[in-house]
């Protein structure tokens, strides 16, 4: 008499077990049990999007987060956000933030911070325009210690739904400390508070610097007198002059080999083109041979009547500087 094979019994048991599972549930990703989907009406290809209360990015959990705070040696405050409309009718998200330099060296917000915006978990791309945008470009301006500047950043976004989160951290991307704020795209507050650059009448950062020195194989000397002029738009400007001597054994170019920054009220001034130029205005980009000397001039747009500080630095770390008191 043949013995009953255990394999047949095992197969029958498995079939009964699997049949009992059918209709109860489905197995989702990673073997997790999930409920059967329930259709509640509407076309299945037109999902309903429901906005929930904004929550911080999961990657920021456990981090030091606030709407304002110190990031290293810099104080950062998110100062608002608004819908910005371009001249062509397109829109973008414009955010504002204040940067205070609490370090001992001048630095720009662009070099100090990493500013990002996210919507529905995706990083937003920058919006580009030739239109005037408030405070645009301020992030690239060097700021003296103890000085505050308002900056802006502009992004492409979906203005219909999906909250936007602003995240500002150290320039390295280190998120151990993050200044973070959520905005509902339907209720953007606009710019919060007014911003005015505080006048600095007692500028003294260049008082300890020599007015002339040898650096990087050249000899530079800043003239003690400067002249006021205007640019093509009629804005007040200051023209400074510098003697530039090449003491090295190869050609030198002032603009390529040295960095010149003009400060007023602790914030870098923009370079400008005078409405009436002089030959020296073009010499800062001229190559000069070893043993040669020329005088060059540079023009900066003024923002107030406060003193103007000029600081020139070379790659070897040497600095020279001077201060000009403007006529009231």
C-alpha atoms as a PDB file:
ATOM      1  CA  UNK A   1       0.000   0.000   0.000  1.00  0.00           C
ATOM      2  CA  UNK A   2       1.375   3.366  -1.020  1.00  0.00           C
ATOM      3  CA  UNK A   3       2.015   5.977   1.699  1.00  0.00           C
ATOM      4  CA  UNK A   4       0.359   9.437   1.369  1.00  0.00           C
ATOM      5  CA  UNK A   5       2.973  12.003   0.348  1.00  0.00           C
ATOM      6  CA  UNK A   6       3.271  14.945   2.783  1.00  0.00           C
ATOM      7  CA  UNK A   7       3.874  17.338  -0.140  1.00  0.00           C
ATOM      8  CA  UNK A   8       0.260  17.081  -1.273  1.00  0.00           C
ATOM      9  CA  UNK A   9      -1.009  17.939   2.193  1.00  0.00           C
ATOM     10  CA  UNK A  10       1.280  20.996   2.446  1.00  0.00           C
ATOM     11  CA  UNK A  11       0.068  22.304  -0.923  1.00  0.00           C
ATOM     12  CA  UNK A  12      -3.577  21.981   0.120  1.00  0.00           C
ATOM     13  CA  UNK A  13      -2.913  23.871   3.367  1.00  0.00           C
ATOM     14  CA  UNK A  14      -1.151  26.715   1.503  1.00  0.00           C
ATOM     15  CA  UNK A  15      -4.000  27.061  -0.993  1.00  0.00           C
ATOM     16  CA  UNK A  16      -6.562  27.325   1.808  1.00  0.00           C
ATOM     17  CA  UNK A  17      -4.412  29.947   3.617  1.00  0.00           C
ATOM     18  CA  UNK A  18      -3.915  32.119   0.523  1.00  0.00           C
ATOM     19  CA  UNK A  19      -7.604  31.924  -0.369  1.00  0.00           C
ATOM     20  CA  UNK A  20      -8.454  33.237   3.080  1.00  0.00           C
ATOM     21  CA  UNK A  21      -6.221  36.279   2.563  1.00  0.00           C
ATOM     22  CA  UNK A  22      -7.834  37.368  -0.710  1.00  0.00           C
ATOM     23  CA  UNK A  23     -10.308  40.263  -0.435  1.00  0.00           C
ATOM     24  CA  UNK A  24      -9.036  41.268   3.015  1.00  0.00           C
ATOM     25  CA  UNK A  25      -6.009  43.328   2.185  1.00  0.00           C
ATOM     26  CA  UNK A  26      -3.223  43.917  -0.279  1.00  0.00           C
ATOM     27  CA  UNK A  27       0.483  43.871   0.335  1.00  0.00           C
ATOM     28  CA  UNK A  28       2.145  47.238  -0.217  1.00  0.00           C
ATOM     29  CA  UNK A  29       5.783  48.205  -0.592  1.00  0.00           C
ATOM     30  CA  UNK A  30       8.276  46.419   1.664  1.00  0.00           C
ATOM     31  CA  UNK A  31       5.622  43.819   2.535  1.00  0.00           C
ATOM     32  CA  UNK A  32       3.470  46.280   4.495  1.00  0.00           C
ATOM     33  CA  UNK A  33      -0.239  45.584   4.640  1.00  0.00           C
ATOM     34  CA  UNK A  34      -2.411  48.337   3.180  1.00  0.00           C
ATOM     35  CA  UNK A  35      -6.139  48.846   2.989  1.00  0.00           C
ATOM     36  CA  UNK A  36      -7.898  48.516  -0.335  1.00  0.00           C
ATOM     37  CA  UNK A  37      -8.340  51.930  -2.016  1.00  0.00           C
ATOM     38  CA  UNK A  38     -11.853  53.342  -1.826  1.00  0.00           C
ATOM     39  CA  UNK A  39     -13.216  55.466  -4.674  1.00  0.00           C
ATOM     40  CA  UNK A  40     -15.313  58.320  -3.264  1.00  0.00           C
ATOM     41  CA  UNK A  41     -16.278  59.987  -6.511  1.00  0.00           C
ATOM     42  CA  UNK A  42     -14.616  62.073  -9.171  1.00  0.00           C
ATOM     43  CA  UNK A  43     -12.304  60.970 -11.909  1.00  0.00           C
ATOM     44  CA  UNK A  44      -9.434  58.814 -10.624  1.00  0.00           C
ATOM     45  CA  UNK A  45      -6.959  60.798 -12.724  1.00  0.00           C
ATOM     46  CA  UNK A  46      -7.935  64.099 -11.046  1.00  0.00           C
ATOM     47  CA  UNK A  47      -6.702  63.788  -7.438  1.00  0.00           C
ATOM     48  CA  UNK A  48      -7.866  66.275  -4.838  1.00  0.00           C
ATOM     49  CA  UNK A  49      -4.959  68.233  -3.297  1.00  0.00           C
ATOM     50  CA  UNK A  50      -5.455  69.211   0.328  1.00  0.00           C
ATOM     51  CA  UNK A  51      -3.104  71.732   1.945  1.00  0.00           C
ATOM     52  CA  UNK A  52      -2.196  70.816   5.503  1.00  0.00           C
ATOM     53  CA  UNK A  53      -0.635  72.865   8.280  1.00  0.00           C
ATOM     54  CA  UNK A  54       2.973  73.589   7.221  1.00  0.00           C
ATOM     55  CA  UNK A  55       5.584  71.494   8.988  1.00  0.00           C
ATOM     56  CA  UNK A  56       9.380  71.856   8.962  1.00  0.00           C
ATOM     57  CA  UNK A  57      11.406  69.921   6.448  1.00  0.00           C
ATOM     58  CA  UNK A  58      12.075  66.448   7.952  1.00  0.00           C
ATOM     59  CA  UNK A  59      15.785  66.959   7.355  1.00  0.00           C
ATOM     60  CA  UNK A  60      15.664  69.860   9.832  1.00  0.00           C
ATOM     61  CA  UNK A  61      14.176  67.877  12.701  1.00  0.00           C
ATOM     62  CA  UNK A  62      16.322  68.214  15.808  1.00  0.00           C
ATOM     63  CA  UNK A  63      18.068  71.310  14.465  1.00  0.00           C
ATOM     64  CA  UNK A  64      18.088  74.761  16.025  1.00  0.00           C
ATOM     65  CA  UNK A  65      15.297  76.498  14.110  1.00  0.00           C
ATOM     66  CA  UNK A  66      13.806  79.972  14.444  1.00  0.00           C
ATOM     67  CA  UNK A  67      12.536  82.875  12.357  1.00  0.00           C
ATOM     68  CA  UNK A  68      15.540  84.911  13.443  1.00  0.00           C
ATOM     69  CA  UNK A  69      18.795  84.103  15.155  1.00  0.00           C
ATOM     70  CA  UNK A  70      22.561  83.962  15.045  1.00  0.00           C
ATOM     71  CA  UNK A  71      24.198  81.862  12.364  1.00  0.00           C
ATOM     72  CA  UNK A  72      27.827  81.838  13.393  1.00  0.00           C
ATOM     73  CA  UNK A  73      28.926  85.472  13.653  1.00  0.00           C
ATOM     74  CA  UNK A  74      25.922  86.809  11.744  1.00  0.00           C
ATOM     75  CA  UNK A  75      22.427  87.703  12.880  1.00  0.00           C
ATOM     76  CA  UNK A  76      19.711  86.841  10.344  1.00  0.00           C
ATOM     77  CA  UNK A  77      16.054  87.900  10.423  1.00  0.00           C
ATOM     78  CA  UNK A  78      13.520  86.822   7.786  1.00  0.00           C
ATOM     79  CA  UNK A  79      11.676  90.091   7.149  1.00  0.00           C
ATOM     80  CA  UNK A  80       8.766  89.051   4.940  1.00  0.00           C
ATOM     81  CA  UNK A  81       7.661  87.731   1.557  1.00  0.00           C
ATOM     82  CA  UNK A  82       5.423  88.977  -1.229  1.00  0.00           C
ATOM     83  CA  UNK A  83       4.083  88.135  -4.653  1.00  0.00           C
ATOM     84  CA  UNK A  84       6.150  90.104  -7.173  1.00  0.00           C
ATOM     85  CA  UNK A  85       4.836  90.892 -10.643  1.00  0.00           C
ATOM     86  CA  UNK A  86       7.222  91.515 -13.534  1.00  0.00           C
ATOM     87  CA  UNK A  87       6.582  93.977 -16.339  1.00  0.00           C
ATOM     88  CA  UNK A  88       5.662  91.069 -18.628  1.00  0.00           C
ATOM     89  CA  UNK A  89       2.888  89.954 -16.258  1.00  0.00           C
ATOM     90  CA  UNK A  90       4.700  86.922 -14.849  1.00  0.00           C
ATOM     91  CA  UNK A  91       4.906  86.530 -11.086  1.00  0.00           C
ATOM     92  CA  UNK A  92       7.528  85.346  -8.612  1.00  0.00           C
ATOM     93  CA  UNK A  93       8.061  84.999  -4.881  1.00  0.00           C
ATOM     94  CA  UNK A  94      10.139  87.819  -3.383  1.00  0.00           C
ATOM     95  CA  UNK A  95      11.545  87.277   0.111  1.00  0.00           C
ATOM     96  CA  UNK A  96      13.309  89.751   2.400  1.00  0.00           C
ATOM     97  CA  UNK A  97      15.900  89.118   5.086  1.00  0.00           C
ATOM     98  CA  UNK A  98      18.143  91.313   7.259  1.00  0.00           C
ATOM     99  CA  UNK A  99      21.822  90.496   7.738  1.00  0.00           C
ATOM    100  CA  UNK A 100      23.868  91.921  10.623  1.00  0.00           C
ATOM    101  CA  UNK A 101      27.615  91.354  10.595  1.00  0.00           C
ATOM    102  CA  UNK A 102      28.730  90.592  14.154  1.00  0.00           C
ATOM    103  CA  UNK A 103      32.172  89.336  13.140  1.00  0.00           C
ATOM    104  CA  UNK A 104      35.424  91.294  13.209  1.00  0.00           C
ATOM    105  CA  UNK A 105      35.863  91.356   9.418  1.00  0.00           C
ATOM    106  CA  UNK A 106      33.863  92.859   6.572  1.00  0.00           C
ATOM    107  CA  UNK A 107      31.910  90.282   4.570  1.00  0.00           C
ATOM    108  CA  UNK A 108      28.953  90.068   2.187  1.00  0.00           C
ATOM    109  CA  UNK A 109      25.770  88.082   2.963  1.00  0.00           C
ATOM    110  CA  UNK A 110      26.375  86.132  -0.254  1.00  0.00           C
ATOM    111  CA  UNK A 111      29.683  84.820   1.101  1.00  0.00           C
ATOM    112  CA  UNK A 112      28.308  84.185   4.605  1.00  0.00           C
ATOM    113  CA  UNK A 113      24.933  82.525   4.018  1.00  0.00           C
ATOM    114  CA  UNK A 114      23.111  79.836   2.077  1.00  0.00           C
ATOM    115  CA  UNK A 115      19.550  80.988   1.270  1.00  0.00           C
ATOM    116  CA  UNK A 116      16.987  78.513  -0.124  1.00  0.00           C
ATOM    117  CA  UNK A 117      13.235  78.261  -0.686  1.00  0.00           C
ATOM    118  CA  UNK A 118      11.157  75.070  -0.918  1.00  0.00           C
ATOM    119  CA  UNK A 119       7.602  74.295  -2.016  1.00  0.00           C
ATOM    120  CA  UNK A 120       6.045  70.833  -1.676  1.00  0.00           C
ATOM    121  CA  UNK A 121       9.476  69.467  -0.798  1.00  0.00           C
ATOM    122  CA  UNK A 122      11.143  70.761  -3.967  1.00  0.00           C
ATOM    123  CA  UNK A 123      13.831  73.428  -4.027  1.00  0.00           C
ATOM    124  CA  UNK A 124      12.691  76.504  -5.928  1.00  0.00           C
ATOM    125  CA  UNK A 125      14.749  77.957  -8.750  1.00  0.00           C
ATOM    126  CA  UNK A 126      15.723  81.615  -8.909  1.00  0.00           C
ATOM    127  CA  UNK A 127      13.668  83.971 -11.065  1.00  0.00           C
ATOM    128  CA  UNK A 128      15.642  86.217 -13.408  1.00  0.00           C
ATOM    129  CA  UNK A 129      14.558  89.615 -14.661  1.00  0.00           C
ATOM    130  CA  UNK A 130      15.860  92.964 -15.870  1.00  0.00           C
ATOM    131  CA  UNK A 131      13.108  94.712 -13.880  1.00  0.00           C
ATOM    132  CA  UNK A 132      13.942  96.646 -10.744  1.00  0.00           C
ATOM    133  CA  UNK A 133      13.657  94.410  -7.685  1.00  0.00           C
ATOM    134  CA  UNK A 134      13.895  95.957  -4.182  1.00  0.00           C
ATOM    135  CA  UNK A 135      17.224  95.255  -2.459  1.00  0.00           C
ATOM    136  CA  UNK A 136      18.369  93.001  -5.303  1.00  0.00           C
ATOM    137  CA  UNK A 137      22.153  92.834  -5.335  1.00  0.00           C
ATOM    138  CA  UNK A 138      22.520  93.834  -1.678  1.00  0.00           C
ATOM    139  CA  UNK A 139      23.585  90.300  -0.775  1.00  0.00           C
ATOM    140  CA  UNK A 140      26.773  90.849  -2.771  1.00  0.00           C
ATOM    141  CA  UNK A 141      27.694  94.037  -0.894  1.00  0.00           C
ATOM    142  CA  UNK A 142      30.396  93.858   1.762  1.00  0.00           C
ATOM    143  CA  UNK A 143      29.219  94.942   5.205  1.00  0.00           C
ATOM    144  CA  UNK A 144      31.329  96.347   8.026  1.00  0.00           C
ATOM    145  CA  UNK A 145      31.208  94.752  11.509  1.00  0.00           C
ATOM    146  CA  UNK A 146      28.168  95.944  13.457  1.00  0.00           C
ATOM    147  CA  UNK A 147      26.256  96.946  10.318  1.00  0.00           C
ATOM    148  CA  UNK A 148      22.874  95.667   9.094  1.00  0.00           C
ATOM    149  CA  UNK A 149      21.730  95.402   5.478  1.00  0.00           C
ATOM    150  CA  UNK A 150      18.395  94.270   4.040  1.00  0.00           C
ATOM    151  CA  UNK A 151      18.586  91.763   1.197  1.00  0.00           C
ATOM    152  CA  UNK A 152      16.112  90.038  -1.091  1.00  0.00           C
ATOM    153  CA  UNK A 153      15.899  86.829  -3.095  1.00  0.00           C
ATOM    154  CA  UNK A 154      13.379  86.032  -5.826  1.00  0.00           C
ATOM    155  CA  UNK A 155      12.099  82.598  -6.835  1.00  0.00           C
ATOM    156  CA  UNK A 156       9.808  80.879  -9.325  1.00  0.00           C
ATOM    157  CA  UNK A 157       6.876  79.292  -7.473  1.00  0.00           C
ATOM    158  CA  UNK A 158       3.297  78.010  -7.710  1.00  0.00           C
ATOM    159  CA  UNK A 159       1.112  80.841  -6.450  1.00  0.00           C
ATOM    160  CA  UNK A 160      -2.046  78.703  -6.333  1.00  0.00           C
ATOM    161  CA  UNK A 161      -1.259  76.202  -3.579  1.00  0.00           C
ATOM    162  CA  UNK A 162       1.477  74.683  -1.473  1.00  0.00           C
ATOM    163  CA  UNK A 163       3.141  76.561   1.365  1.00  0.00           C
ATOM    164  CA  UNK A 164       6.648  77.889   0.844  1.00  0.00           C
ATOM    165  CA  UNK A 165       9.421  77.453   3.396  1.00  0.00           C
ATOM    166  CA  UNK A 166      12.455  79.727   3.586  1.00  0.00           C
ATOM    167  CA  UNK A 167      15.656  78.213   4.973  1.00  0.00           C
ATOM    168  CA  UNK A 168      18.815  80.206   5.716  1.00  0.00           C
ATOM    169  CA  UNK A 169      21.941  78.550   7.063  1.00  0.00           C
ATOM    170  CA  UNK A 170      25.730  78.868   6.984  1.00  0.00           C
ATOM    171  CA  UNK A 171      27.336  79.258   3.553  1.00  0.00           C
ATOM    172  CA  UNK A 172      28.690  75.709   3.790  1.00  0.00           C
ATOM    173  CA  UNK A 173      25.141  74.321   3.911  1.00  0.00           C
ATOM    174  CA  UNK A 174      25.579  73.181   7.521  1.00  0.00           C
ATOM    175  CA  UNK A 175      22.057  72.931   8.970  1.00  0.00           C
ATOM    176  CA  UNK A 176      23.027  72.631  12.633  1.00  0.00           C
ATOM    177  CA  UNK A 177      21.528  76.127  12.948  1.00  0.00           C
ATOM    178  CA  UNK A 178      18.772  77.227  10.555  1.00  0.00           C
ATOM    179  CA  UNK A 179      16.680  80.379  10.306  1.00  0.00           C
ATOM    180  CA  UNK A 180      13.409  78.992   8.972  1.00  0.00           C
ATOM    181  CA  UNK A 181       9.950  80.381   8.160  1.00  0.00           C
ATOM    182  CA  UNK A 182       6.830  79.047   6.410  1.00  0.00           C
ATOM    183  CA  UNK A 183       4.520  81.214   4.306  1.00  0.00           C
ATOM    184  CA  UNK A 184       1.086  80.418   2.923  1.00  0.00           C
ATOM    185  CA  UNK A 185       1.195  81.478  -0.732  1.00  0.00           C
ATOM    186  CA  UNK A 186      -2.345  82.858  -0.452  1.00  0.00           C
ATOM    187  CA  UNK A 187      -1.470  85.057   2.545  1.00  0.00           C
ATOM    188  CA  UNK A 188       1.986  86.507   1.882  1.00  0.00           C
ATOM    189  CA  UNK A 189       2.572  89.393   4.317  1.00  0.00           C
ATOM    190  CA  UNK A 190       4.772  91.578   2.134  1.00  0.00           C
ATOM    191  CA  UNK A 191       7.806  93.391   3.512  1.00  0.00           C
ATOM    192  CA  UNK A 192       7.644  93.589   7.300  1.00  0.00           C
ATOM    193  CA  UNK A 193       8.698  96.946   8.723  1.00  0.00           C
ATOM    194  CA  UNK A 194      10.598  99.765   7.062  1.00  0.00           C
ATOM    195  CA  UNK A 195      14.310  99.633   6.419  1.00  0.00           C
ATOM    196  CA  UNK A 196      16.686 102.566   6.507  1.00  0.00           C
ATOM    197  CA  UNK A 197      20.461 102.427   6.443  1.00  0.00           C
ATOM    198  CA  UNK A 198      21.762 103.879   9.698  1.00  0.00           C
ATOM    199  CA  UNK A 199      24.152 106.786   9.172  1.00  0.00           C
ATOM    200  CA  UNK A 200      27.736 106.242  10.351  1.00  0.00           C
ATOM    201  CA  UNK A 201      29.409 109.599  10.918  1.00  0.00           C
ATOM    202  CA  UNK A 202      32.369 108.201  12.867  1.00  0.00           C
ATOM    203  CA  UNK A 203      33.690 105.673  10.358  1.00  0.00           C
ATOM    204  CA  UNK A 204      37.086 104.579  11.664  1.00  0.00           C
ATOM    205  CA  UNK A 205      37.974 101.243  10.070  1.00  0.00           C
ATOM    206  CA  UNK A 206      40.636 102.777   7.811  1.00  0.00           C
ATOM    207  CA  UNK A 207      42.170 105.004  10.505  1.00  0.00           C
ATOM    208  CA  UNK A 208      44.766 102.344  11.311  1.00  0.00           C
ATOM    209  CA  UNK A 209      45.655 101.628   7.663  1.00  0.00           C
ATOM    210  CA  UNK A 210      48.482 103.328   5.771  1.00  0.00           C
ATOM    211  CA  UNK A 211      47.495 105.424   2.766  1.00  0.00           C
ATOM    212  CA  UNK A 212      50.285 103.967   0.636  1.00  0.00           C
ATOM    213  CA  UNK A 213      52.350 100.787   0.646  1.00  0.00           C
ATOM    214  CA  UNK A 214      54.127  98.199  -1.477  1.00  0.00           C
ATOM    215  CA  UNK A 215      52.072  95.065  -2.137  1.00  0.00           C
ATOM    216  CA  UNK A 216      52.273  92.195  -4.600  1.00  0.00           C
ATOM    217  CA  UNK A 217      55.254  93.715  -6.404  1.00  0.00           C
ATOM    218  CA  UNK A 218      53.593  97.107  -6.855  1.00  0.00           C
ATOM    219  CA  UNK A 219      53.519 100.413  -5.030  1.00  0.00           C
ATOM    220  CA  UNK A 220      50.100 101.986  -4.453  1.00  0.00           C
ATOM    221  CA  UNK A 221      49.288 105.431  -3.105  1.00  0.00           C
ATOM    222  CA  UNK A 222      45.756 106.784  -2.586  1.00  0.00           C
ATOM    223  CA  UNK A 223      45.429 110.529  -3.189  1.00  0.00           C
ATOM    224  CA  UNK A 224      44.373 112.578  -0.184  1.00  0.00           C
ATOM    225  CA  UNK A 225      41.801 114.552  -2.164  1.00  0.00           C
ATOM    226  CA  UNK A 226      38.729 113.319  -4.036  1.00  0.00           C
ATOM    227  CA  UNK A 227      36.186 115.120  -6.192  1.00  0.00           C
ATOM    228  CA  UNK A 228      32.419 114.909  -6.273  1.00  0.00           C
ATOM    229  CA  UNK A 229      30.686 114.302  -9.607  1.00  0.00           C
ATOM    230  CA  UNK A 230      27.497 112.722 -10.970  1.00  0.00           C
ATOM    231  CA  UNK A 231      26.664 109.665 -13.029  1.00  0.00           C
ATOM    232  CA  UNK A 232      24.538 109.509 -16.181  1.00  0.00           C
ATOM    233  CA  UNK A 233      21.344 109.446 -14.075  1.00  0.00           C
ATOM    234  CA  UNK A 234      22.348 112.523 -12.113  1.00  0.00           C
ATOM    235  CA  UNK A 235      23.122 110.641  -8.894  1.00  0.00           C
ATOM    236  CA  UNK A 236      25.888 112.032  -6.677  1.00  0.00           C
ATOM    237  CA  UNK A 237      29.217 110.223  -6.984  1.00  0.00           C
ATOM    238  CA  UNK A 238      32.749 110.429  -5.634  1.00  0.00           C
ATOM    239  CA  UNK A 239      35.861 110.116  -7.805  1.00  0.00           C
ATOM    240  CA  UNK A 240      39.060 108.944  -6.107  1.00  0.00           C
ATOM    241  CA  UNK A 241      42.563 108.755  -7.579  1.00  0.00           C
ATOM    242  CA  UNK A 242      45.407 106.268  -7.063  1.00  0.00           C
ATOM    243  CA  UNK A 243      49.057 106.218  -8.164  1.00  0.00           C
ATOM    244  CA  UNK A 244      49.948 102.729  -9.398  1.00  0.00           C
ATOM    245  CA  UNK A 245      53.607 101.698  -9.902  1.00  0.00           C
ATOM    246  CA  UNK A 246      54.769  98.310 -11.191  1.00  0.00           C
ATOM    247  CA  UNK A 247      57.849  97.216  -9.225  1.00  0.00           C
ATOM    248  CA  UNK A 248      57.753  93.619 -10.443  1.00  0.00           C
ATOM    249  CA  UNK A 249      59.164  91.791 -13.455  1.00  0.00           C
ATOM    250  CA  UNK A 250      55.890  91.212 -15.361  1.00  0.00           C
ATOM    251  CA  UNK A 251      52.901  93.249 -16.519  1.00  0.00           C
ATOM    252  CA  UNK A 252      50.380  94.287 -13.875  1.00  0.00           C
ATOM    253  CA  UNK A 253      46.697  95.225 -14.065  1.00  0.00           C
ATOM    254  CA  UNK A 254      45.207  97.139 -11.139  1.00  0.00           C
ATOM    255  CA  UNK A 255      41.646  95.791 -11.412  1.00  0.00           C
ATOM    256  CA  UNK A 256      42.825  92.210 -11.862  1.00  0.00           C
ATOM    257  CA  UNK A 257      45.516  92.208  -9.169  1.00  0.00           C
ATOM    258  CA  UNK A 258      43.871  94.276  -6.404  1.00  0.00           C
ATOM    259  CA  UNK A 259      40.480  94.630  -4.719  1.00  0.00           C
ATOM    260  CA  UNK A 260      39.077  98.099  -4.071  1.00  0.00           C
ATOM    261  CA  UNK A 261      36.005  98.601  -1.890  1.00  0.00           C
ATOM    262  CA  UNK A 262      34.404 101.916  -0.955  1.00  0.00           C
ATOM    263  CA  UNK A 263      32.237 101.975   2.185  1.00  0.00           C
ATOM    264  CA  UNK A 264      29.628 104.492   3.290  1.00  0.00           C
ATOM    265  CA  UNK A 265      27.561 103.945   6.439  1.00  0.00           C
ATOM    266  CA  UNK A 266      29.321 100.596   6.780  1.00  0.00           C
ATOM    267  CA  UNK A 267      28.008  99.220   3.459  1.00  0.00           C
ATOM    268  CA  UNK A 268      29.849  98.820   0.165  1.00  0.00           C
ATOM    269  CA  UNK A 269      29.175 101.448  -2.503  1.00  0.00           C
ATOM    270  CA  UNK A 270      28.493 100.556  -6.121  1.00  0.00           C
ATOM    271  CA  UNK A 271      30.992 101.505  -8.806  1.00  0.00           C
ATOM    272  CA  UNK A 272      29.618 104.021 -11.288  1.00  0.00           C
ATOM    273  CA  UNK A 273      30.358 105.738 -14.592  1.00  0.00           C
ATOM    274  CA  UNK A 274      30.645 109.514 -14.397  1.00  0.00           C
ATOM    275  CA  UNK A 275      28.516 111.624 -16.720  1.00  0.00           C
ATOM    276  CA  UNK A 276      31.734 113.408 -17.697  1.00  0.00           C
ATOM    277  CA  UNK A 277      34.643 110.997 -17.701  1.00  0.00           C
ATOM    278  CA  UNK A 278      38.339 111.821 -17.508  1.00  0.00           C
ATOM    279  CA  UNK A 279      41.190 109.788 -19.077  1.00  0.00           C
ATOM    280  CA  UNK A 280      42.213 108.349 -15.695  1.00  0.00           C
ATOM    281  CA  UNK A 281      38.792 106.666 -15.357  1.00  0.00           C
ATOM    282  CA  UNK A 282      39.882 104.082 -17.943  1.00  0.00           C
ATOM    283  CA  UNK A 283      43.311 103.306 -16.476  1.00  0.00           C
ATOM    284  CA  UNK A 284      42.211 100.832 -13.813  1.00  0.00           C
ATOM    285  CA  UNK A 285      41.970  98.115 -16.498  1.00  0.00           C
ATOM    286  CA  UNK A 286      45.215  99.029 -18.265  1.00  0.00           C
ATOM    287  CA  UNK A 287      48.218  96.675 -18.260  1.00  0.00           C
ATOM    288  CA  UNK A 288      51.430  98.423 -17.239  1.00  0.00           C
ATOM    289  CA  UNK A 289      54.948  97.144 -17.810  1.00  0.00           C
ATOM    290  CA  UNK A 290      57.612  96.714 -15.104  1.00  0.00           C
ATOM    291  CA  UNK A 291      59.018 100.076 -14.008  1.00  0.00           C
ATOM    292  CA  UNK A 292      55.957 101.994 -15.221  1.00  0.00           C
ATOM    293  CA  UNK A 293      53.674 104.273 -13.195  1.00  0.00           C
ATOM    294  CA  UNK A 294      50.267 105.690 -13.994  1.00  0.00           C
ATOM    295  CA  UNK A 295      47.466 107.473 -12.197  1.00  0.00           C
ATOM    296  CA  UNK A 296      44.028 105.892 -12.264  1.00  0.00           C
ATOM    297  CA  UNK A 297      40.662 106.970 -10.930  1.00  0.00           C
ATOM    298  CA  UNK A 298      37.506 105.190  -9.817  1.00  0.00           C
ATOM    299  CA  UNK A 299      33.961 106.520  -9.366  1.00  0.00           C
ATOM    300  CA  UNK A 300      31.488 105.372  -6.692  1.00  0.00           C
ATOM    301  CA  UNK A 301      27.807 106.244  -6.318  1.00  0.00           C
ATOM    302  CA  UNK A 302      27.045 107.939  -2.989  1.00  0.00           C
ATOM    303  CA  UNK A 303      23.991 107.110  -0.881  1.00  0.00           C
ATOM    304  CA  UNK A 304      24.316 109.805   1.798  1.00  0.00           C
ATOM    305  CA  UNK A 305      26.580 112.581   3.051  1.00  0.00           C
ATOM    306  CA  UNK A 306      28.414 110.334   5.523  1.00  0.00           C
ATOM    307  CA  UNK A 307      32.211 109.872   5.270  1.00  0.00           C
ATOM    308  CA  UNK A 308      33.488 107.452   2.625  1.00  0.00           C
ATOM    309  CA  UNK A 309      36.201 104.900   3.389  1.00  0.00           C
ATOM    310  CA  UNK A 310      38.398 103.445   0.655  1.00  0.00           C
ATOM    311  CA  UNK A 311      40.117 100.111   1.237  1.00  0.00           C
ATOM    312  CA  UNK A 312      42.500  98.428  -1.223  1.00  0.00           C
ATOM    313  CA  UNK A 313      43.849  94.926  -0.597  1.00  0.00           C
ATOM    314  CA  UNK A 314      46.292  92.669  -2.411  1.00  0.00           C
ATOM    315  CA  UNK A 315      46.607  88.923  -2.673  1.00  0.00           C
ATOM    316  CA  UNK A 316      49.416  88.976  -0.095  1.00  0.00           C
ATOM    317  CA  UNK A 317      46.995  90.350   2.533  1.00  0.00           C
ATOM    318  CA  UNK A 318      48.422  93.872   2.603  1.00  0.00           C
ATOM    319  CA  UNK A 319      45.849  96.663   2.892  1.00  0.00           C
ATOM    320  CA  UNK A 320      45.889 100.413   2.451  1.00  0.00           C
ATOM    321  CA  UNK A 321      43.040 102.833   3.025  1.00  0.00           C
ATOM    322  CA  UNK A 322      41.860 106.353   3.645  1.00  0.00           C
ATOM    323  CA  UNK A 323      38.737 108.316   4.558  1.00  0.00           C
ATOM    324  CA  UNK A 324      37.060 111.227   2.804  1.00  0.00           C
ATOM    325  CA  UNK A 325      34.810 113.734   4.561  1.00  0.00           C
ATOM    326  CA  UNK A 326      32.144 114.984   2.147  1.00  0.00           C
ATOM    327  CA  UNK A 327      30.965 118.549   1.887  1.00  0.00           C
ATOM    328  CA  UNK A 328      27.619 119.010   3.634  1.00  0.00           C
END
